[in-house]
Protein backbone atom coordinates (compact mmCIF):
# COMPACT_ATOMS: atom_id res chain seq x y z
CA UNK A 1 -8.02 -38.43 -19.80
CA UNK A 2 -11.43 -37.36 -18.51
CA UNK A 3 -13.34 -34.43 -19.95
CA UNK A 4 -13.32 -31.08 -18.19
CA UNK A 5 -16.26 -28.76 -17.73
CA UNK A 6 -14.42 -26.35 -20.02
CA UNK A 7 -14.63 -28.88 -22.89
CA UNK A 8 -18.36 -28.38 -23.40
CA UNK A 9 -18.20 -25.07 -25.24
CA UNK A 10 -15.38 -26.44 -27.38
CA UNK A 11 -17.69 -29.21 -28.65
CA UNK A 12 -20.04 -26.52 -29.93
CA UNK A 13 -17.18 -24.45 -31.33
CA UNK A 14 -16.04 -27.42 -33.42
CA UNK A 15 -19.60 -27.95 -34.64
CA UNK A 16 -19.77 -24.32 -35.78
CA UNK A 17 -16.45 -24.72 -37.58
CA UNK A 18 -17.82 -27.76 -39.41
CA UNK A 19 -20.86 -25.87 -40.56
CA UNK A 20 -18.82 -22.86 -41.67
CA UNK A 21 -16.71 -25.15 -43.84
CA UNK A 22 -19.70 -25.84 -46.08
CA UNK A 23 -21.45 -22.47 -45.63
CA UNK A 24 -24.45 -23.71 -43.65
CA UNK A 25 -26.96 -20.82 -43.31
CA UNK A 26 -27.14 -19.15 -39.90
CA UNK A 27 -30.73 -20.29 -39.36
CA UNK A 28 -29.65 -23.90 -39.81
CA UNK A 29 -26.63 -23.39 -37.56
CA UNK A 30 -28.88 -22.23 -34.72
CA UNK A 31 -31.17 -25.21 -35.22
CA UNK A 32 -28.25 -27.64 -35.17
CA UNK A 33 -26.62 -26.04 -32.12
CA UNK A 34 -29.84 -26.21 -30.11
CA UNK A 35 -30.17 -29.88 -31.00
CA UNK A 36 -26.54 -30.51 -30.06
CA UNK A 37 -27.07 -28.91 -26.66
CA UNK A 38 -29.63 -31.59 -25.89
CA UNK A 39 -27.29 -34.26 -27.26
CA UNK A 40 -24.35 -33.05 -25.17
CA UNK A 41 -26.44 -33.60 -22.03
CA UNK A 42 -26.31 -37.34 -22.77
CA UNK A 43 -22.51 -37.56 -22.99
CA UNK A 44 -20.55 -39.37 -20.31
CA UNK A 45 -18.48 -36.78 -18.36
CA UNK A 46 -15.85 -39.38 -17.51
CA UNK A 47 -15.11 -40.04 -21.21
CA UNK A 48 -12.15 -38.32 -22.86
CA UNK A 49 -12.64 -34.92 -24.51
CA UNK A 50 -11.57 -36.51 -27.81
CA UNK A 51 -14.23 -39.21 -27.61
CA UNK A 52 -17.04 -36.84 -26.66
CA UNK A 53 -15.91 -34.40 -29.35
CA UNK A 54 -16.07 -37.23 -31.88
CA UNK A 55 -19.65 -38.04 -30.93
CA UNK A 56 -20.69 -34.39 -31.23
CA UNK A 57 -18.96 -34.08 -34.61
CA UNK A 58 -20.57 -37.21 -36.00
CA UNK A 59 -23.96 -36.02 -34.77
CA UNK A 60 -23.31 -32.68 -36.48
CA UNK A 61 -22.53 -34.51 -39.72
CA UNK A 62 -25.94 -36.20 -39.47
CA UNK A 63 -27.73 -32.90 -38.92
CA UNK A 64 -26.03 -31.19 -41.88
CA UNK A 65 -26.15 -34.30 -44.11
CA UNK A 66 -22.43 -34.19 -44.89
CA UNK A 67 -20.04 -36.95 -43.84
CA UNK A 68 -16.84 -34.98 -44.50
CA UNK A 69 -17.27 -31.19 -44.35
CA UNK A 70 -13.50 -30.72 -44.12
CA UNK A 71 -12.74 -32.62 -47.32
CA UNK A 72 -11.72 -29.59 -49.42
CA UNK A 73 -9.92 -27.96 -46.48
CA UNK A 74 -7.83 -31.10 -45.99
CA UNK A 75 -6.88 -31.06 -49.66
CA UNK A 76 -5.80 -27.43 -49.34
CA UNK A 77 -3.76 -28.17 -46.20
CA UNK A 78 -1.96 -31.03 -47.93
CA UNK A 79 -1.22 -28.85 -50.95
CA UNK A 80 0.18 -26.04 -48.80
CA UNK A 81 2.36 -28.40 -46.80
CA UNK A 82 3.68 -30.15 -49.90
CA UNK A 83 4.76 -26.79 -51.29
CA UNK A 84 6.77 -26.14 -48.12
CA UNK A 85 8.18 -29.66 -47.91
CA UNK A 86 11.33 -29.37 -50.15
CA UNK A 87 12.74 -26.33 -48.37
CA UNK A 88 11.92 -27.73 -44.97
CA UNK A 89 13.44 -31.12 -45.76
CA UNK A 90 16.65 -29.44 -46.91
CA UNK A 91 16.84 -27.41 -43.67
CA UNK A 92 16.41 -30.52 -41.56
CA UNK A 93 18.92 -32.52 -43.58
CA UNK A 94 21.62 -29.88 -43.05
CA UNK A 95 21.23 -29.91 -39.26
CA UNK A 96 23.83 -31.46 -36.99
CA UNK A 97 21.03 -33.50 -35.38
CA UNK A 98 18.52 -34.08 -38.15
CA UNK A 99 16.20 -36.21 -36.03
CA UNK A 100 15.79 -33.43 -33.48
CA UNK A 101 15.07 -30.88 -36.19
CA UNK A 102 12.61 -33.29 -37.84
CA UNK A 103 10.69 -33.48 -34.55
CA UNK A 104 10.51 -29.69 -34.50
CA UNK A 105 9.19 -29.65 -38.04
CA UNK A 106 6.65 -32.32 -37.18
CA UNK A 107 5.29 -30.43 -34.17
CA UNK A 108 5.17 -27.17 -36.12
CA UNK A 109 2.75 -28.87 -38.47
CA UNK A 110 0.42 -29.35 -35.49
CA UNK A 111 -0.73 -25.74 -35.98
CA UNK A 112 -2.76 -26.85 -39.02
CA UNK A 113 -5.82 -27.56 -36.91
CA UNK A 114 -8.87 -26.26 -38.71
CA UNK A 115 -11.19 -27.69 -36.06
CA UNK A 116 -10.02 -25.17 -33.48
CA UNK A 117 -8.80 -22.22 -35.53
CA UNK A 118 -9.11 -21.64 -39.22
CA UNK A 119 -6.39 -19.00 -39.50
CA UNK A 120 -2.78 -19.98 -39.10
CA UNK A 121 0.66 -18.77 -40.15
CA UNK A 122 2.70 -21.86 -40.87
CA UNK A 123 5.86 -19.91 -41.71
CA UNK A 124 5.71 -18.24 -38.30
CA UNK A 125 5.12 -21.57 -36.58
CA UNK A 126 8.10 -23.15 -38.32
CA UNK A 127 10.33 -20.25 -37.37
CA UNK A 128 9.17 -20.49 -33.76
CA UNK A 129 9.70 -24.26 -33.64
CA UNK A 130 13.23 -24.14 -34.99
CA UNK A 131 14.30 -21.08 -32.98
CA UNK A 132 12.76 -21.84 -29.59
CA UNK A 133 12.28 -25.62 -29.62
CA UNK A 134 10.40 -27.46 -26.89
CA UNK A 135 9.26 -25.97 -23.60
CA UNK A 136 9.31 -29.49 -22.17
CA UNK A 137 11.99 -31.51 -23.93
CA UNK A 138 12.45 -35.24 -23.38
CA UNK A 139 14.42 -35.65 -26.59
CA UNK A 140 17.50 -37.30 -25.01
CA UNK A 141 15.30 -40.10 -23.65
CA UNK A 142 13.42 -40.41 -26.94
CA UNK A 143 16.61 -40.66 -28.98
CA UNK A 144 18.01 -43.27 -26.62
CA UNK A 145 14.88 -45.43 -26.97
CA UNK A 146 14.82 -45.03 -30.76
CA UNK A 147 18.47 -46.03 -31.07
CA UNK A 148 17.92 -49.12 -28.90
CA UNK A 149 14.64 -50.15 -30.51
CA UNK A 150 13.48 -51.29 -33.92
CA UNK A 151 9.75 -50.63 -34.27
CA UNK A 152 8.43 -47.07 -34.07
CA UNK A 153 4.74 -46.16 -34.18
CA UNK A 154 3.78 -42.61 -35.14
CA UNK A 155 0.15 -41.80 -34.32
CA UNK A 156 -0.78 -39.19 -36.88
CA UNK A 157 -3.04 -36.20 -36.43
CA UNK A 158 -4.20 -33.79 -39.13
CA UNK A 159 -4.11 -33.52 -42.89
CA UNK A 160 -1.38 -31.11 -43.92
CA UNK A 161 0.49 -31.95 -40.75
CA UNK A 162 1.04 -35.42 -42.19
CA UNK A 163 3.47 -33.88 -44.72
CA UNK A 164 5.63 -32.51 -41.92
CA UNK A 165 5.51 -35.95 -40.32
CA UNK A 166 7.02 -37.37 -43.52
CA UNK A 167 10.28 -35.64 -42.71
CA UNK A 168 10.33 -37.30 -39.31
CA UNK A 169 9.51 -40.70 -40.81
CA UNK A 170 12.28 -40.29 -43.38
CA UNK A 171 14.78 -39.61 -40.60
CA UNK A 172 13.62 -42.76 -38.82
CA UNK A 173 14.01 -44.70 -42.07
CA UNK A 174 17.59 -43.50 -42.33
CA UNK A 175 18.12 -44.91 -38.84
CA UNK A 176 16.88 -48.29 -40.18
CA UNK A 177 13.70 -48.34 -38.09
CA UNK A 178 10.42 -50.01 -38.99
CA UNK A 179 7.88 -47.20 -38.97
CA UNK A 180 4.12 -47.63 -38.62
CA UNK A 181 1.96 -44.56 -39.21
CA UNK A 182 -1.60 -44.60 -37.86
CA UNK A 183 -4.39 -42.71 -39.62
CA UNK A 184 -8.16 -42.61 -39.16
CA UNK A 185 -10.43 -45.20 -40.79
CA UNK A 186 -12.91 -42.51 -41.83
CA UNK A 187 -13.33 -38.73 -41.87
CA UNK A 188 -13.56 -36.90 -38.56
CA UNK A 189 -12.75 -33.21 -38.36
CA UNK A 190 -9.58 -32.60 -40.43
CA UNK A 191 -7.73 -35.71 -39.27
CA UNK A 192 -5.59 -37.58 -41.77
CA UNK A 193 -7.02 -40.69 -43.41
CA UNK A 194 -5.50 -43.30 -45.70
CA UNK A 195 -6.47 -41.13 -48.66
CA UNK A 196 -4.33 -38.31 -47.25
CA UNK A 197 -1.45 -40.72 -46.61
CA UNK A 198 -1.54 -41.83 -50.24
CA UNK A 199 -1.95 -38.28 -51.53
CA UNK A 200 1.23 -37.09 -49.79
CA UNK A 201 3.13 -40.37 -50.37
CA UNK A 202 3.38 -41.30 -46.71
CA UNK A 203 2.34 -44.80 -47.75
CA UNK A 204 5.60 -45.11 -49.72
CA UNK A 205 7.84 -44.60 -46.69
CA UNK A 206 5.87 -46.07 -43.78
CA UNK A 207 3.48 -48.89 -43.00
CA UNK A 208 0.23 -46.91 -42.99
CA UNK A 209 -2.32 -48.47 -40.65
CA UNK A 210 -5.93 -47.38 -40.21
CA UNK A 211 -7.03 -46.97 -36.61
CA UNK A 212 -10.21 -49.00 -37.04
CA UNK A 213 -12.44 -46.06 -36.12
CA UNK A 214 -13.51 -42.65 -37.41
CA UNK A 215 -12.94 -41.09 -34.01
CA UNK A 216 -10.53 -38.45 -32.75
CA UNK A 217 -7.45 -39.89 -31.09
CA UNK A 218 -7.02 -43.62 -30.55
CA UNK A 219 -9.60 -44.57 -27.90
CA UNK A 220 -8.52 -48.00 -26.70
CA UNK A 221 -12.03 -49.46 -26.57
CA UNK A 222 -12.76 -48.59 -30.20
CA UNK A 223 -9.57 -49.02 -32.25
CA UNK A 224 -8.69 -52.26 -34.03
CA UNK A 225 -6.85 -55.16 -32.43
CA UNK A 226 -4.02 -54.52 -34.87
CA UNK A 227 -3.58 -50.97 -33.58
CA UNK A 228 -3.81 -52.11 -29.96
CA UNK A 229 -1.09 -54.68 -30.61
CA UNK A 230 1.12 -52.19 -32.44
CA UNK A 231 0.94 -49.68 -29.61
CA UNK A 232 1.37 -52.35 -26.95
CA UNK A 233 4.48 -53.91 -28.52
CA UNK A 234 6.27 -50.96 -30.17
CA UNK A 235 9.66 -49.89 -28.89
CA UNK A 236 8.66 -46.25 -29.29
CA UNK A 237 5.30 -44.54 -29.78
CA UNK A 238 5.27 -40.91 -30.96
CA UNK A 239 1.81 -39.46 -30.30
CA UNK A 240 0.94 -36.37 -32.34
CA UNK A 241 -1.52 -33.68 -31.31
CA UNK A 242 -4.19 -32.96 -28.71
CA UNK A 243 -6.69 -35.77 -29.32
CA UNK A 244 -3.99 -38.44 -29.12
CA UNK A 245 -2.69 -36.70 -26.00
CA UNK A 246 -6.16 -37.26 -24.51
CA UNK A 247 -6.51 -40.94 -25.46
CA UNK A 248 -3.11 -42.66 -25.69
CA UNK A 249 -2.91 -42.57 -21.90
CA UNK A 250 -5.51 -45.39 -21.97
CA UNK A 251 -2.57 -47.65 -22.88
CA UNK A 252 -1.28 -47.47 -19.32
CA UNK A 253 1.30 -50.26 -19.53
CA UNK A 254 3.40 -48.66 -22.28
CA UNK A 255 3.66 -45.04 -21.15
CA UNK A 256 7.42 -45.41 -20.66
CA UNK A 257 7.68 -45.85 -24.44
CA UNK A 258 5.23 -43.08 -25.37
CA UNK A 259 6.31 -39.56 -26.31
CA UNK A 260 3.65 -36.89 -26.75
CA UNK A 261 4.50 -34.33 -29.41
CA UNK A 262 2.16 -31.35 -29.66
CA UNK A 263 1.53 -27.66 -29.36
CA UNK A 264 -0.43 -26.74 -26.22
CA UNK A 265 -3.49 -25.00 -27.70
CA UNK A 266 -6.14 -25.62 -25.05
CA UNK A 267 -5.91 -22.81 -22.48
CA UNK A 268 -7.95 -24.74 -19.93
CA UNK A 269 -5.81 -27.86 -20.15
CA UNK A 270 -2.72 -25.65 -19.98
CA UNK A 271 -3.97 -24.17 -16.70
CA UNK A 272 -4.91 -27.55 -15.24
CA UNK A 273 -1.58 -29.23 -16.07
CA UNK A 274 0.58 -26.13 -15.59
CA UNK A 275 1.72 -26.07 -19.20
CA UNK A 276 2.72 -22.85 -20.92
CA UNK A 277 -0.06 -21.89 -23.33
CA UNK A 278 1.12 -22.05 -26.96
CA UNK A 279 4.30 -23.92 -26.10
CA UNK A 280 5.71 -26.89 -28.00
CA UNK A 281 6.00 -30.02 -25.90
CA UNK A 282 7.88 -33.31 -26.24
CA UNK A 283 7.06 -35.22 -23.07
CA UNK A 284 7.45 -38.86 -22.08
CA UNK A 285 4.31 -40.70 -21.04
CA UNK A 286 5.55 -41.54 -17.54
CA UNK A 287 6.38 -37.91 -16.86
CA UNK A 288 2.99 -36.83 -18.20
CA UNK A 289 1.33 -39.38 -15.92
CA UNK A 290 3.14 -37.87 -12.93
CA UNK A 291 2.01 -34.40 -13.99
CA UNK A 292 -1.62 -35.50 -14.28
CA UNK A 293 -1.52 -37.20 -10.88
CA UNK A 294 -0.06 -34.06 -9.36
CA UNK A 295 -2.42 -31.49 -10.90
CA UNK A 296 -5.56 -33.25 -12.18
CA UNK A 297 -6.12 -35.85 -9.49
CA UNK A 298 -5.22 -33.98 -6.35
């Protein structure tokens, strides 16, 4: 997915969030932001928002001399989610369709996105997810593909959210599926890394695979050959969150097997693709492709 004009201010907003995480003085923030404005001029407009955001974030890390400003925040998110896990797991297990409820739990965890907003009410998000479900809901097709297939790839998103994904992975395990869970190879924003996977015990229930890059999403030109092969050959790919939404479409040949699972947070993207702002979406890749061709490329 190509960047939009509206993405530019979001790059700077994420940079500010990074600096606030480690209490950078205002004078330094201004200095960094002015430098980033010059840097943003060099970005390729045709690149994905996730890729350009990654470059701005990594440049911010250089300016503030901190390679992981979200480290403590990620720890806190994992701790909070682990506290909620037992009750949530019990609720899902009691459901008549536990896999469907596990998907709702997983997408509710997508609210833990400290790069965009630092305040969130996870209890409210969970209640909304379970009560209202998905605004776009391709679950019947997803379940059919899972039941027919064997290998499922889950492309993870944030720390904290990874705990909610555990419930989904456990449901897939009960269905006797081989699950591969992709995390980042290094810190970028508050995305989950292998350290987070081990901290929340995801590595005990899934084959945890590093993406091969410390970049948002899974940009095809930069991830490892292992990840490319996994995505290209999996029976089902469940893509979590906004950055994966913006990059997994690079794997054009497998969109029939891709299911994007996220909360629509970006108001500009919502307007462009005619999504309902704030809605929870479970959409097949082929249907998303049709939507993009209809609204973005016309």
